[in-house]
C-alpha atoms as a PDB file:
ATOM      1  CA  MET A   1      19.471  16.676  41.442  1.00  0.00           C
ATOM      2  CA  GLU A   2      22.767  16.166  39.625  1.00  0.00           C
ATOM      3  CA  ARG A   3      24.832  13.076  39.167  1.00  0.00           C
ATOM      4  CA  VAL A   4      28.417  13.490  38.174  1.00  0.00           C
ATOM      5  CA  THR A   5      30.595  10.527  37.217  1.00  0.00           C
ATOM      6  CA  PRO A   6      34.192  11.604  37.424  1.00  0.00           C
ATOM      7  CA  LYS A   7      36.882  10.451  34.978  1.00  0.00           C
ATOM      8  CA  GLU A   8      39.413   8.073  36.525  1.00  0.00           C
ATOM      9  CA  GLY A   9      41.666   9.765  38.996  1.00  0.00           C
ATOM     10  CA  ARG A  10      39.292  12.786  39.347  1.00  0.00           C
ATOM     11  CA  ALA A  11      36.914  11.718  41.989  1.00  0.00           C
ATOM     12  CA  ALA A  12      38.481  13.758  44.846  1.00  0.00           C
ATOM     13  CA  ALA A  13      38.683  16.857  42.690  1.00  0.00           C
ATOM     14  CA  CYS A  14      35.093  16.593  41.489  1.00  0.00           C
ATOM     15  CA  LEU A  15      33.917  16.137  45.097  1.00  0.00           C
ATOM     16  CA  GLU A  16      35.843  19.190  46.201  1.00  0.00           C
ATOM     17  CA  ILE A  17      34.315  21.338  43.455  1.00  0.00           C
ATOM     18  CA  SER A  18      30.819  20.068  44.303  1.00  0.00           C
ATOM     19  CA  LEU A  19      31.379  20.998  47.954  1.00  0.00           C
ATOM     20  CA  GLN A  20      32.496  24.481  47.007  1.00  0.00           C
ATOM     21  CA  THR A  21      29.520  24.869  44.661  1.00  0.00           C
ATOM     22  CA  ALA A  22      27.193  23.706  47.420  1.00  0.00           C
ATOM     23  CA  LYS A  23      28.513  26.615  49.658  1.00  0.00           C
ATOM     24  CA  LEU A  24      27.234  29.112  47.099  1.00  0.00           C
ATOM     25  CA  LEU A  25      23.639  27.839  47.784  1.00  0.00           C
ATOM     26  CA  LYS A  26      23.854  28.563  51.479  1.00  0.00           C
ATOM     27  CA  GLY A  27      21.626  31.461  52.387  1.00  0.00           C
ATOM     28  CA  GLN A  28      19.793  31.601  48.911  1.00  0.00           C
ATOM     29  CA  PRO A  29      16.172  32.637  49.200  1.00  0.00           C
ATOM     30  CA  GLY A  30      14.010  29.651  49.100  1.00  0.00           C
ATOM     31  CA  LEU A  31      16.692  26.991  49.576  1.00  0.00           C
ATOM     32  CA  LEU A  32      15.424  24.401  52.063  1.00  0.00           C
ATOM     33  CA  GLN A  33      18.291  21.822  51.905  1.00  0.00           C
ATOM     34  CA  SER A  34      21.443  20.970  50.042  1.00  0.00           C
ATOM     35  CA  MET A  35      23.275  17.672  50.095  1.00  0.00           C
ATOM     36  CA  ILE A  36      26.382  16.194  48.436  1.00  0.00           C
ATOM     37  CA  MET A  37      26.358  12.414  48.431  1.00  0.00           C
ATOM     38  CA  GLN A  38      29.774  10.778  47.966  1.00  0.00           C
ATOM     39  CA  PRO A  39      29.826   7.297  46.536  1.00  0.00           C
ATOM     40  CA  SER A  40      31.620   4.364  48.192  1.00  0.00           C
ATOM     41  CA  LYS A  41      33.539   3.815  44.968  1.00  0.00           C
ATOM     42  CA  ASP A  42      35.408   6.473  43.100  1.00  0.00           C
ATOM     43  CA  SER A  43      34.125   5.095  39.818  1.00  0.00           C
ATOM     44  CA  ASP A  44      30.510   5.620  40.807  1.00  0.00           C
ATOM     45  CA  PRO A  45      28.678   8.948  40.373  1.00  0.00           C
ATOM     46  CA  LEU A  46      28.382  11.552  43.160  1.00  0.00           C
ATOM     47  CA  CYS A  47      25.149  13.212  43.657  1.00  0.00           C
ATOM     48  CA  SER A  48      24.167  16.689  44.456  1.00  0.00           C
ATOM     49  CA  ILE A  49      20.675  17.437  45.679  1.00  0.00           C
ATOM     50  CA  SER A  50      19.144  20.738  46.473  1.00  0.00           C
ATOM     51  CA  VAL A  51      15.522  21.172  47.688  1.00  0.00           C
ATOM     52  CA  TRP A  52      13.854  24.514  47.124  1.00  0.00           C
ATOM     53  CA  GLU A  53      10.533  26.019  48.260  1.00  0.00           C
ATOM     54  CA  SER A  54       9.606  26.520  44.654  1.00  0.00           C
ATOM     55  CA  LYS A  55      10.820  26.197  41.106  1.00  0.00           C
ATOM     56  CA  ALA A  56      10.698  30.105  40.980  1.00  0.00           C
ATOM     57  CA  ASN A  57      13.216  30.222  43.787  1.00  0.00           C
ATOM     58  CA  PHE A  58      15.570  27.954  42.022  1.00  0.00           C
ATOM     59  CA  GLN A  59      15.224  29.844  38.781  1.00  0.00           C
ATOM     60  CA  ALA A  60      15.961  33.123  40.506  1.00  0.00           C
ATOM     61  CA  PHE A  61      19.189  31.556  41.983  1.00  0.00           C
ATOM     62  CA  LEU A  62      20.157  30.763  38.303  1.00  0.00           C
ATOM     63  CA  LYS A  63      20.020  34.493  37.564  1.00  0.00           C
ATOM     64  CA  THR A  64      22.267  35.583  40.482  1.00  0.00           C
ATOM     65  CA  GLU A  65      25.826  37.009  40.056  1.00  0.00           C
ATOM     66  CA  ASP A  66      27.096  34.118  42.242  1.00  0.00           C
ATOM     67  CA  PHE A  67      25.816  31.474  39.742  1.00  0.00           C
ATOM     68  CA  ALA A  68      27.113  33.578  36.815  1.00  0.00           C
ATOM     69  CA  ALA A  69      30.503  33.688  38.331  1.00  0.00           C
ATOM     70  CA  LEU A  70      30.483  29.939  38.940  1.00  0.00           C
ATOM     71  CA  MET A  71      29.713  29.220  35.223  1.00  0.00           C
ATOM     72  CA  LYS A  72      32.778  31.297  34.304  1.00  0.00           C
ATOM     73  CA  SER A  73      35.069  29.935  36.875  1.00  0.00           C
ATOM     74  CA  ASP A  74      38.058  27.612  36.486  1.00  0.00           C
ATOM     75  CA  ALA A  75      36.472  25.175  38.918  1.00  0.00           C
ATOM     76  CA  TYR A  76      33.465  24.798  36.554  1.00  0.00           C
ATOM     77  CA  ALA A  77      35.686  24.435  33.561  1.00  0.00           C
ATOM     78  CA  ASN A  78      37.667  21.764  35.254  1.00  0.00           C
ATOM     79  CA  MET A  79      34.567  19.928  36.443  1.00  0.00           C
ATOM     80  CA  LYS A  80      33.345  19.798  32.839  1.00  0.00           C
ATOM     81  CA  ASP A  81      36.761  18.322  31.691  1.00  0.00           C
ATOM     82  CA  TRP A  82      36.891  15.848  34.574  1.00  0.00           C
ATOM     83  CA  MET A  83      33.366  14.384  34.063  1.00  0.00           C
ATOM     84  CA  ALA A  84      32.854  11.082  32.165  1.00  0.00           C
ATOM     85  CA  ASP A  85      29.123  11.450  32.503  1.00  0.00           C
ATOM     86  CA  TYR A  86      26.566  14.079  33.800  1.00  0.00           C
ATOM     87  CA  ASP A  87      22.832  13.821  34.480  1.00  0.00           C
ATOM     88  CA  GLY A  88      20.780  16.654  35.848  1.00  0.00           C
ATOM     89  CA  GLN A  89      17.073  16.490  36.519  1.00  0.00           C
ATOM     90  CA  MET A  90      14.456  18.752  38.084  1.00  0.00           C
ATOM     91  CA  MET A  91      11.676  16.991  40.083  1.00  0.00           C
ATOM     92  CA  LYS A  92       8.764  17.850  42.208  1.00  0.00           C
ATOM     93  CA  LEU A  93       8.720  16.419  45.750  1.00  0.00           C
ATOM     94  CA  ALA A  94       5.940  13.835  45.960  1.00  0.00           C
ATOM     95  CA  ASP A  95       6.472  13.112  49.618  1.00  0.00           C
ATOM     96  CA  GLY A  96       9.084  13.403  52.333  1.00  0.00           C
ATOM     97  CA  TRP A  97       9.635  13.150  56.060  1.00  0.00           C
ATOM     98  CA  HIS A  98      12.124  13.945  58.827  1.00  0.00           C
ATOM     99  CA  PRO A  99      12.404  11.819  61.919  1.00  0.00           C
END
């Protein structure tokens, strides 16, 4: 899970970069779900959540050429410059359900 608080005037740009980044996840082995949550106020953090079959699947994604290219991209550099705050956490699923 990542929470990104954009600097003033950068909410739309940060959202677009997050959406582009989420597209990289599509089709990755072990990815179960990816979500980008847009806040109702531009000053609030947007949240990216990805759910993986295992920590090993996620760590394997971190070693892919796609992820390496993202880290070197202008989009990532811009995102770092446009964030007022960032929080990333790895968690284990304790419970979940789908209707």
